[in-house]
């Protein structure tokens, strides 16, 4: 759920916050408050959206059912795990 929101739904806010942090260095805590607030707002809006929650839940249940049938993880699950390792999400 977190990966979907960060990569698909709030990607603009994530990019803005990341750029600000890279540009600001140690002062990012002070300089990036606006970007941080925008990112938190976007994330919270999606976390609290019951339709999005149900969508993620159904997708997870489908993937779990497929894994139980075949014993193999879906391509999407493997992709997100590799991406998480690369980006430290």
PDB file of N, CA and C in Angstrom:
ATOM      1  N   UNK A   1       0.831  -1.183   0.000  1.00  0.00           N
ATOM      2  CA  UNK A   1       0.000   0.000   0.000  1.00  0.00           C
ATOM      3  C   UNK A   1       0.879   1.251   0.000  1.00  0.00           C
ATOM      4  N   UNK A   2       1.891   1.245   0.838  1.00  0.00           N
ATOM      5  CA  UNK A   2       2.780   2.399   0.932  1.00  0.00           C
ATOM      6  C   UNK A   2       3.494   2.642  -0.394  1.00  0.00           C
ATOM      7  N   UNK A   3       3.948   1.571  -1.031  1.00  0.00           N
ATOM      8  CA  UNK A   3       4.669   1.718  -2.285  1.00  0.00           C
ATOM      9  C   UNK A   3       3.779   2.274  -3.383  1.00  0.00           C
ATOM     10  N   UNK A   4       2.546   1.795  -3.430  1.00  0.00           N
ATOM     11  CA  UNK A   4       1.616   2.265  -4.453  1.00  0.00           C
ATOM     12  C   UNK A   4       1.360   3.750  -4.282  1.00  0.00           C
ATOM     13  N   UNK A   5       1.122   4.164  -3.051  1.00  0.00           N
ATOM     14  CA  UNK A   5       0.860   5.580  -2.800  1.00  0.00           C
ATOM     15  C   UNK A   5       2.081   6.414  -3.159  1.00  0.00           C
ATOM     16  N   UNK A   6       3.244   6.010  -2.687  1.00  0.00           N
ATOM     17  CA  UNK A   6       4.459   6.796  -2.915  1.00  0.00           C
ATOM     18  C   UNK A   6       4.837   6.866  -4.392  1.00  0.00           C
ATOM     19  N   UNK A   7       4.693   5.778  -5.112  1.00  0.00           N
ATOM     20  CA  UNK A   7       5.128   5.734  -6.510  1.00  0.00           C
ATOM     21  C   UNK A   7       4.075   6.213  -7.499  1.00  0.00           C
ATOM     22  N   UNK A   8       2.804   5.973  -7.199  1.00  0.00           N
ATOM     23  CA  UNK A   8       1.774   6.265  -8.182  1.00  0.00           C
ATOM     24  C   UNK A   8       0.905   7.462  -7.819  1.00  0.00           C
ATOM     25  N   UNK A   9       0.522   7.564  -6.581  1.00  0.00           N
ATOM     26  CA  UNK A   9      -0.459   8.577  -6.197  1.00  0.00           C
ATOM     27  C   UNK A   9       0.156   9.885  -5.706  1.00  0.00           C
ATOM     28  N   UNK A  10       1.316   9.818  -5.060  1.00  0.00           N
ATOM     29  CA  UNK A  10       1.957  11.015  -4.492  1.00  0.00           C
ATOM     30  C   UNK A  10       3.358  11.211  -5.054  1.00  0.00           C
ATOM     31  N   UNK A  11       3.581  10.771  -6.264  1.00  0.00           N
ATOM     32  CA  UNK A  11       4.942  10.810  -6.816  1.00  0.00           C
ATOM     33  C   UNK A  11       5.478  12.229  -6.943  1.00  0.00           C
ATOM     34  N   UNK A  12       4.621  13.171  -7.284  1.00  0.00           N
ATOM     35  CA  UNK A  12       5.070  14.564  -7.415  1.00  0.00           C
ATOM     36  C   UNK A  12       5.558  15.112  -6.073  1.00  0.00           C
ATOM     37  N   UNK A  13       4.811  14.834  -5.003  1.00  0.00           N
ATOM     38  CA  UNK A  13       5.199  15.300  -3.673  1.00  0.00           C
ATOM     39  C   UNK A  13       6.478  14.613  -3.198  1.00  0.00           C
ATOM     40  N   UNK A  14       6.610  13.329  -3.508  1.00  0.00           N
ATOM     41  CA  UNK A  14       7.823  12.596  -3.134  1.00  0.00           C
ATOM     42  C   UNK A  14       9.029  13.197  -3.847  1.00  0.00           C
ATOM     43  N   UNK A  15       8.879  13.485  -5.133  1.00  0.00           N
ATOM     44  CA  UNK A  15       9.983  14.071  -5.899  1.00  0.00           C
ATOM     45  C   UNK A  15      10.355  15.452  -5.365  1.00  0.00           C
ATOM     46  N   UNK A  16       9.343  16.280  -5.068  1.00  0.00           N
ATOM     47  CA  UNK A  16       9.611  17.620  -4.534  1.00  0.00           C
ATOM     48  C   UNK A  16      10.352  17.542  -3.205  1.00  0.00           C
ATOM     49  N   UNK A  17       9.896  16.664  -2.321  1.00  0.00           N
ATOM     50  CA  UNK A  17      10.524  16.529  -1.009  1.00  0.00           C
ATOM     51  C   UNK A  17      11.950  15.990  -1.139  1.00  0.00           C
ATOM     52  N   UNK A  18      12.139  15.002  -1.992  1.00  0.00           N
ATOM     53  CA  UNK A  18      13.465  14.425  -2.200  1.00  0.00           C
ATOM     54  C   UNK A  18      14.436  15.460  -2.754  1.00  0.00           C
ATOM     55  N   UNK A  19      13.975  16.220  -3.740  1.00  0.00           N
ATOM     56  CA  UNK A  19      14.831  17.261  -4.327  1.00  0.00           C
ATOM     57  C   UNK A  19      15.198  18.303  -3.282  1.00  0.00           C
ATOM     58  N   UNK A  20      14.231  18.731  -2.497  1.00  0.00           N
ATOM     59  CA  UNK A  20      14.488  19.724  -1.454  1.00  0.00           C
ATOM     60  C   UNK A  20      15.521  19.200  -0.458  1.00  0.00           C
ATOM     61  N   UNK A  21      15.364  17.956  -0.042  1.00  0.00           N
ATOM     62  CA  UNK A  21      16.304  17.370   0.926  1.00  0.00           C
ATOM     63  C   UNK A  21      17.718  17.291   0.357  1.00  0.00           C
ATOM     64  N   UNK A  22      17.820  16.888  -0.900  1.00  0.00           N
ATOM     65  CA  UNK A  22      19.142  16.791  -1.524  1.00  0.00           C
ATOM     66  C   UNK A  22      19.789  18.164  -1.656  1.00  0.00           C
ATOM     67  N   UNK A  23      18.982  19.170  -2.004  1.00  0.00           N
ATOM     68  CA  UNK A  23      19.511  20.520  -2.190  1.00  0.00           C
ATOM     69  C   UNK A  23      19.855  21.205  -0.871  1.00  0.00           C
ATOM     70  N   UNK A  24      19.163  20.844   0.209  1.00  0.00           N
ATOM     71  CA  UNK A  24      19.311  21.557   1.478  1.00  0.00           C
ATOM     72  C   UNK A  24      20.356  20.970   2.410  1.00  0.00           C
ATOM     73  N   UNK A  25      20.703  19.711   2.223  1.00  0.00           N
ATOM     74  CA  UNK A  25      21.690  19.085   3.101  1.00  0.00           C
ATOM     75  C   UNK A  25      21.202  19.014   4.538  1.00  0.00           C
ATOM     76  N   UNK A  26      22.041  19.438   5.470  1.00  0.00           N
ATOM     77  CA  UNK A  26      21.719  19.350   6.898  1.00  0.00           C
ATOM     78  C   UNK A  26      20.521  20.223   7.274  1.00  0.00           C
ATOM     79  N   UNK A  27      20.329  21.311   6.562  1.00  0.00           N
ATOM     80  CA  UNK A  27      19.240  22.239   6.885  1.00  0.00           C
ATOM     81  C   UNK A  27      17.878  21.783   6.362  1.00  0.00           C
ATOM     82  N   UNK A  28      17.796  20.547   5.868  1.00  0.00           N
ATOM     83  CA  UNK A  28      16.535  20.070   5.292  1.00  0.00           C
ATOM     84  C   UNK A  28      15.385  20.107   6.291  1.00  0.00           C
ATOM     85  N   UNK A  29      15.669  19.916   7.569  1.00  0.00           N
ATOM     86  CA  UNK A  29      14.610  19.922   8.585  1.00  0.00           C
ATOM     87  C   UNK A  29      13.899  21.272   8.600  1.00  0.00           C
ATOM     88  N   UNK A  30      14.650  22.326   8.419  1.00  0.00           N
ATOM     89  CA  UNK A  30      14.088  23.676   8.448  1.00  0.00           C
ATOM     90  C   UNK A  30      13.571  24.096   7.080  1.00  0.00           C
ATOM     91  N   UNK A  31      14.332  23.818   6.039  1.00  0.00           N
ATOM     92  CA  UNK A  31      14.018  24.328   4.706  1.00  0.00           C
ATOM     93  C   UNK A  31      12.915  23.557   3.977  1.00  0.00           C
ATOM     94  N   UNK A  32      12.686  22.314   4.325  1.00  0.00           N
ATOM     95  CA  UNK A  32      11.755  21.474   3.558  1.00  0.00           C
ATOM     96  C   UNK A  32      10.430  21.230   4.280  1.00  0.00           C
ATOM     97  N   UNK A  33      10.057  22.087   5.190  1.00  0.00           N
ATOM     98  CA  UNK A  33       8.813  21.885   5.937  1.00  0.00           C
ATOM     99  C   UNK A  33       7.589  21.941   5.031  1.00  0.00           C
ATOM    100  N   UNK A  34       7.598  22.852   4.058  1.00  0.00           N
ATOM    101  CA  UNK A  34       6.461  22.973   3.138  1.00  0.00           C
ATOM    102  C   UNK A  34       6.288  21.690   2.322  1.00  0.00           C
ATOM    103  N   UNK A  35       7.381  21.188   1.774  1.00  0.00           N
ATOM    104  CA  UNK A  35       7.331  19.960   0.971  1.00  0.00           C
ATOM    105  C   UNK A  35       6.947  18.756   1.827  1.00  0.00           C
ATOM    106  N   UNK A  36       7.463  18.719   3.051  1.00  0.00           N
ATOM    107  CA  UNK A  36       7.141  17.628   3.970  1.00  0.00           C
ATOM    108  C   UNK A  36       5.653  17.633   4.309  1.00  0.00           C
ATOM    109  N   UNK A  37       5.104  18.814   4.560  1.00  0.00           N
ATOM    110  CA  UNK A  37       3.675  18.921   4.878  1.00  0.00           C
ATOM    111  C   UNK A  37       2.816  18.475   3.703  1.00  0.00           C
ATOM    112  N   UNK A  38       3.199  18.881   2.495  1.00  0.00           N
ATOM    113  CA  UNK A  38       2.444  18.480   1.301  1.00  0.00           C
ATOM    114  C   UNK A  38       2.481  16.965   1.119  1.00  0.00           C
ATOM    115  N   UNK A  39       3.643  16.367   1.351  1.00  0.00           N
ATOM    116  CA  UNK A  39       3.776  14.911   1.233  1.00  0.00           C
ATOM    117  C   UNK A  39       2.932  14.203   2.285  1.00  0.00           C
ATOM    118  N   UNK A  40       2.989  14.658   3.521  1.00  0.00           N
ATOM    119  CA  UNK A  40       2.189  14.049   4.592  1.00  0.00           C
ATOM    120  C   UNK A  40       0.701  14.142   4.291  1.00  0.00           C
ATOM    121  N   UNK A  41       0.262  15.300   3.778  1.00  0.00           N
ATOM    122  CA  UNK A  41      -1.147  15.487   3.425  1.00  0.00           C
ATOM    123  C   UNK A  41      -1.585  14.485   2.371  1.00  0.00           C
ATOM    124  N   UNK A  42      -0.777  14.341   1.340  1.00  0.00           N
ATOM    125  CA  UNK A  42      -1.104  13.412   0.258  1.00  0.00           C
ATOM    126  C   UNK A  42      -1.156  11.975   0.769  1.00  0.00           C
ATOM    127  N   UNK A  43      -0.141  11.573   1.524  1.00  0.00           N
ATOM    128  CA  UNK A  43      -0.096  10.209   2.053  1.00  0.00           C
ATOM    129  C   UNK A  43      -1.280   9.927   2.971  1.00  0.00           C
ATOM    130  N   UNK A  44      -1.569  10.859   3.863  1.00  0.00           N
ATOM    131  CA  UNK A  44      -2.671  10.681   4.809  1.00  0.00           C
ATOM    132  C   UNK A  44      -4.005  10.576   4.088  1.00  0.00           C
ATOM    133  N   UNK A  45      -4.188  11.401   3.066  1.00  0.00           N
ATOM    134  CA  UNK A  45      -5.441  11.356   2.305  1.00  0.00           C
ATOM    135  C   UNK A  45      -5.661   9.972   1.706  1.00  0.00           C
ATOM    136  N   UNK A  46      -4.612   9.375   1.177  1.00  0.00           N
ATOM    137  CA  UNK A  46      -4.761   8.050   0.562  1.00  0.00           C
ATOM    138  C   UNK A  46      -4.855   6.940   1.607  1.00  0.00           C
ATOM    139  N   UNK A  47      -4.119   7.064   2.703  1.00  0.00           N
ATOM    140  CA  UNK A  47      -4.210   6.058   3.765  1.00  0.00           C
ATOM    141  C   UNK A  47      -5.618   6.010   4.355  1.00  0.00           C
ATOM    142  N   UNK A  48      -6.274   7.151   4.421  1.00  0.00           N
ATOM    143  CA  UNK A  48      -7.607   7.228   5.023  1.00  0.00           C
ATOM    144  C   UNK A  48      -8.735   7.022   4.021  1.00  0.00           C
ATOM    145  N   UNK A  49      -8.415   6.764   2.770  1.00  0.00           N
ATOM    146  CA  UNK A  49      -9.422   6.554   1.733  1.00  0.00           C
ATOM    147  C   UNK A  49      -9.880   5.095   1.768  1.00  0.00           C
ATOM    148  N   UNK A  50     -11.134   4.837   2.177  1.00  0.00           N
ATOM    149  CA  UNK A  50     -11.601   3.445   2.286  1.00  0.00           C
ATOM    150  C   UNK A  50     -11.631   2.711   0.942  1.00  0.00           C
ATOM    151  N   UNK A  51     -11.905   3.424  -0.144  1.00  0.00           N
ATOM    152  CA  UNK A  51     -11.923   2.776  -1.462  1.00  0.00           C
ATOM    153  C   UNK A  51     -10.528   2.294  -1.856  1.00  0.00           C
ATOM    154  N   UNK A  52      -9.532   3.121  -1.604  1.00  0.00           N
ATOM    155  CA  UNK A  52      -8.154   2.740  -1.918  1.00  0.00           C
ATOM    156  C   UNK A  52      -7.723   1.562  -1.050  1.00  0.00           C
ATOM    157  N   UNK A  53      -8.108   1.576   0.218  1.00  0.00           N
ATOM    158  CA  UNK A  53      -7.789   0.473   1.123  1.00  0.00           C
ATOM    159  C   UNK A  53      -8.375  -0.835   0.591  1.00  0.00           C
ATOM    160  N   UNK A  54      -9.632  -0.794   0.185  1.00  0.00           N
ATOM    161  CA  UNK A  54     -10.285  -1.998  -0.345  1.00  0.00           C
ATOM    162  C   UNK A  54      -9.605  -2.474  -1.628  1.00  0.00           C
ATOM    163  N   UNK A  55      -9.221  -1.534  -2.473  1.00  0.00           N
ATOM    164  CA  UNK A  55      -8.529  -1.874  -3.716  1.00  0.00           C
ATOM    165  C   UNK A  55      -7.216  -2.609  -3.414  1.00  0.00           C
ATOM    166  N   UNK A  56      -6.451  -2.085  -2.469  1.00  0.00           N
ATOM    167  CA  UNK A  56      -5.179  -2.719  -2.093  1.00  0.00           C
ATOM    168  C   UNK A  56      -5.418  -4.071  -1.431  1.00  0.00           C
ATOM    169  N   UNK A  57      -6.451  -4.147  -0.617  1.00  0.00           N
ATOM    170  CA  UNK A  57      -6.758  -5.400   0.069  1.00  0.00           C
ATOM    171  C   UNK A  57      -7.121  -6.492  -0.936  1.00  0.00           C
ATOM    172  N   UNK A  58      -7.951  -6.142  -1.916  1.00  0.00           N
ATOM    173  CA  UNK A  58      -8.354  -7.125  -2.918  1.00  0.00           C
ATOM    174  C   UNK A  58      -7.153  -7.565  -3.765  1.00  0.00           C
ATOM    175  N   UNK A  59      -6.286  -6.629  -4.096  1.00  0.00           N
ATOM    176  CA  UNK A  59      -5.090  -6.968  -4.860  1.00  0.00           C
ATOM    177  C   UNK A  59      -4.189  -7.905  -4.052  1.00  0.00           C
ATOM    178  N   UNK A  60      -4.029  -7.609  -2.772  1.00  0.00           N
ATOM    179  CA  UNK A  60      -3.221  -8.464  -1.896  1.00  0.00           C
ATOM    180  C   UNK A  60      -3.821  -9.864  -1.805  1.00  0.00           C
ATOM    181  N   UNK A  61      -5.131  -9.952  -1.633  1.00  0.00           N
ATOM    182  CA  UNK A  61      -5.780 -11.258  -1.513  1.00  0.00           C
ATOM    183  C   UNK A  61      -5.643 -12.067  -2.797  1.00  0.00           C
ATOM    184  N   UNK A  62      -5.715 -11.389  -3.954  1.00  0.00           N
ATOM    185  CA  UNK A  62      -5.516 -12.079  -5.227  1.00  0.00           C
ATOM    186  C   UNK A  62      -4.095 -12.627  -5.336  1.00  0.00           C
ATOM    187  N   UNK A  63      -3.125 -11.799  -4.943  1.00  0.00           N
ATOM    188  CA  UNK A  63      -1.728 -12.242  -4.994  1.00  0.00           C
ATOM    189  C   UNK A  63      -1.482 -13.395  -4.027  1.00  0.00           C
ATOM    190  N   UNK A  64      -2.080 -13.324  -2.851  1.00  0.00           N
ATOM    191  CA  UNK A  64      -1.911 -14.393  -1.862  1.00  0.00           C
ATOM    192  C   UNK A  64      -2.531 -15.690  -2.369  1.00  0.00           C
ATOM    193  N   UNK A  65      -3.710 -15.583  -2.983  1.00  0.00           N
ATOM    194  CA  UNK A  65      -4.369 -16.763  -3.529  1.00  0.00           C
ATOM    195  C   UNK A  65      -3.510 -17.401  -4.630  1.00  0.00           C
ATOM    196  N   UNK A  66      -2.949 -16.563  -5.496  1.00  0.00           N
ATOM    197  CA  UNK A  66      -2.088 -17.060  -6.569  1.00  0.00           C
ATOM    198  C   UNK A  66      -0.848 -17.742  -5.993  1.00  0.00           C
ATOM    199  N   UNK A  67      -0.265 -17.160  -4.959  1.00  0.00           N
ATOM    200  CA  UNK A  67       0.916 -17.750  -4.327  1.00  0.00           C
ATOM    201  C   UNK A  67       0.573 -19.101  -3.712  1.00  0.00           C
ATOM    202  N   UNK A  68      -0.584 -19.187  -3.083  1.00  0.00           N
ATOM    203  CA  UNK A  68      -0.981 -20.456  -2.460  1.00  0.00           C
ATOM    204  C   UNK A  68      -1.224 -21.544  -3.501  1.00  0.00           C
ATOM    205  N   UNK A  69      -1.707 -21.148  -4.679  1.00  0.00           N
ATOM    206  CA  UNK A  69      -1.945 -22.122  -5.744  1.00  0.00           C
ATOM    207  C   UNK A  69      -0.639 -22.586  -6.377  1.00  0.00           C
ATOM    208  N   UNK A  70       0.239 -21.635  -6.678  1.00  0.00           N
ATOM    209  CA  UNK A  70       1.424 -21.951  -7.482  1.00  0.00           C
ATOM    210  C   UNK A  70       2.715 -22.040  -6.674  1.00  0.00           C
ATOM    211  N   UNK A  71       2.764 -21.393  -5.524  1.00  0.00           N
ATOM    212  CA  UNK A  71       3.994 -21.352  -4.746  1.00  0.00           C
ATOM    213  C   UNK A  71       4.983 -20.313  -5.249  1.00  0.00           C
ATOM    214  N   UNK A  72       4.561 -19.502  -6.232  1.00  0.00           N
ATOM    215  CA  UNK A  72       5.427 -18.459  -6.791  1.00  0.00           C
ATOM    216  C   UNK A  72       4.867 -17.081  -6.478  1.00  0.00           C
ATOM    217  N   UNK A  73       5.772 -16.168  -6.189  1.00  0.00           N
ATOM    218  CA  UNK A  73       5.353 -14.791  -5.958  1.00  0.00           C
ATOM    219  C   UNK A  73       5.038 -14.143  -7.294  1.00  0.00           C
ATOM    220  N   UNK A  74       4.175 -13.145  -7.260  1.00  0.00           N
ATOM    221  CA  UNK A  74       3.838 -12.447  -8.493  1.00  0.00           C
ATOM    222  C   UNK A  74       4.995 -11.548  -8.901  1.00  0.00           C
ATOM    223  N   UNK A  75       5.023 -11.192 -10.152  1.00  0.00           N
ATOM    224  CA  UNK A  75       6.068 -10.313 -10.672  1.00  0.00           C
ATOM    225  C   UNK A  75       6.019  -8.973  -9.950  1.00  0.00           C
ATOM    226  N   UNK A  76       4.828  -8.461  -9.693  1.00  0.00           N
ATOM    227  CA  UNK A  76       4.664  -7.176  -9.029  1.00  0.00           C
ATOM    228  C   UNK A  76       5.280  -7.198  -7.634  1.00  0.00           C
ATOM    229  N   UNK A  77       5.039  -8.255  -6.875  1.00  0.00           N
ATOM    230  CA  UNK A  77       5.580  -8.360  -5.523  1.00  0.00           C
ATOM    231  C   UNK A  77       7.100  -8.375  -5.558  1.00  0.00           C
ATOM    232  N   UNK A  78       7.672  -9.146  -6.454  1.00  0.00           N
ATOM    233  CA  UNK A  78       9.132  -9.205  -6.566  1.00  0.00           C
ATOM    234  C   UNK A  78       9.696  -7.854  -6.981  1.00  0.00           C
ATOM    235  N   UNK A  79       9.019  -7.172  -7.901  1.00  0.00           N
ATOM    236  CA  UNK A  79       9.468  -5.857  -8.352  1.00  0.00           C
ATOM    237  C   UNK A  79       9.502  -4.871  -7.200  1.00  0.00           C
ATOM    238  N   UNK A  80       8.436  -4.822  -6.403  1.00  0.00           N
ATOM    239  CA  UNK A  80       8.384  -3.854  -5.296  1.00  0.00           C
ATOM    240  C   UNK A  80       9.423  -4.164  -4.231  1.00  0.00           C
ATOM    241  N   UNK A  81       9.686  -5.436  -3.972  1.00  0.00           N
ATOM    242  CA  UNK A  81      10.707  -5.778  -2.977  1.00  0.00           C
ATOM    243  C   UNK A  81      12.084  -5.323  -3.440  1.00  0.00           C
ATOM    244  N   UNK A  82      12.396  -5.533  -4.720  1.00  0.00           N
ATOM    245  CA  UNK A  82      13.682  -5.084  -5.252  1.00  0.00           C
ATOM    246  C   UNK A  82      13.768  -3.565  -5.230  1.00  0.00           C
ATOM    247  N   UNK A  83      12.688  -2.902  -5.619  1.00  0.00           N
ATOM    248  CA  UNK A  83      12.671  -1.445  -5.635  1.00  0.00           C
ATOM    249  C   UNK A  83      12.829  -0.880  -4.230  1.00  0.00           C
ATOM    250  N   UNK A  84      12.190  -1.500  -3.256  1.00  0.00           N
ATOM    251  CA  UNK A  84      12.288  -1.044  -1.868  1.00  0.00           C
ATOM    252  C   UNK A  84      13.731  -1.130  -1.378  1.00  0.00           C
ATOM    253  N   UNK A  85      14.418  -2.199  -1.751  1.00  0.00           N
ATOM    254  CA  UNK A  85      15.826  -2.339  -1.354  1.00  0.00           C
ATOM    255  C   UNK A  85      16.683  -1.254  -1.994  1.00  0.00           C
ATOM    256  N   UNK A  86      16.397  -0.944  -3.257  1.00  0.00           N
ATOM    257  CA  UNK A  86      17.197   0.054  -3.964  1.00  0.00           C
ATOM    258  C   UNK A  86      16.960   1.471  -3.453  1.00  0.00           C
ATOM    259  N   UNK A  87      15.720   1.784  -3.092  1.00  0.00           N
ATOM    260  CA  UNK A  87      15.382   3.158  -2.706  1.00  0.00           C
ATOM    261  C   UNK A  87      15.243   3.339  -1.207  1.00  0.00           C
ATOM    262  N   UNK A  88      15.360   2.263  -0.444  1.00  0.00           N
ATOM    263  CA  UNK A  88      15.227   2.314   1.021  1.00  0.00           C
ATOM    264  C   UNK A  88      13.895   2.895   1.466  1.00  0.00           C
ATOM    265  N   UNK A  89      12.804   2.471   0.834  1.00  0.00           N
ATOM    266  CA  UNK A  89      11.467   2.937   1.252  1.00  0.00           C
ATOM    267  C   UNK A  89      10.985   2.154   2.426  1.00  0.00           C
TER     268      UNK A  89
END
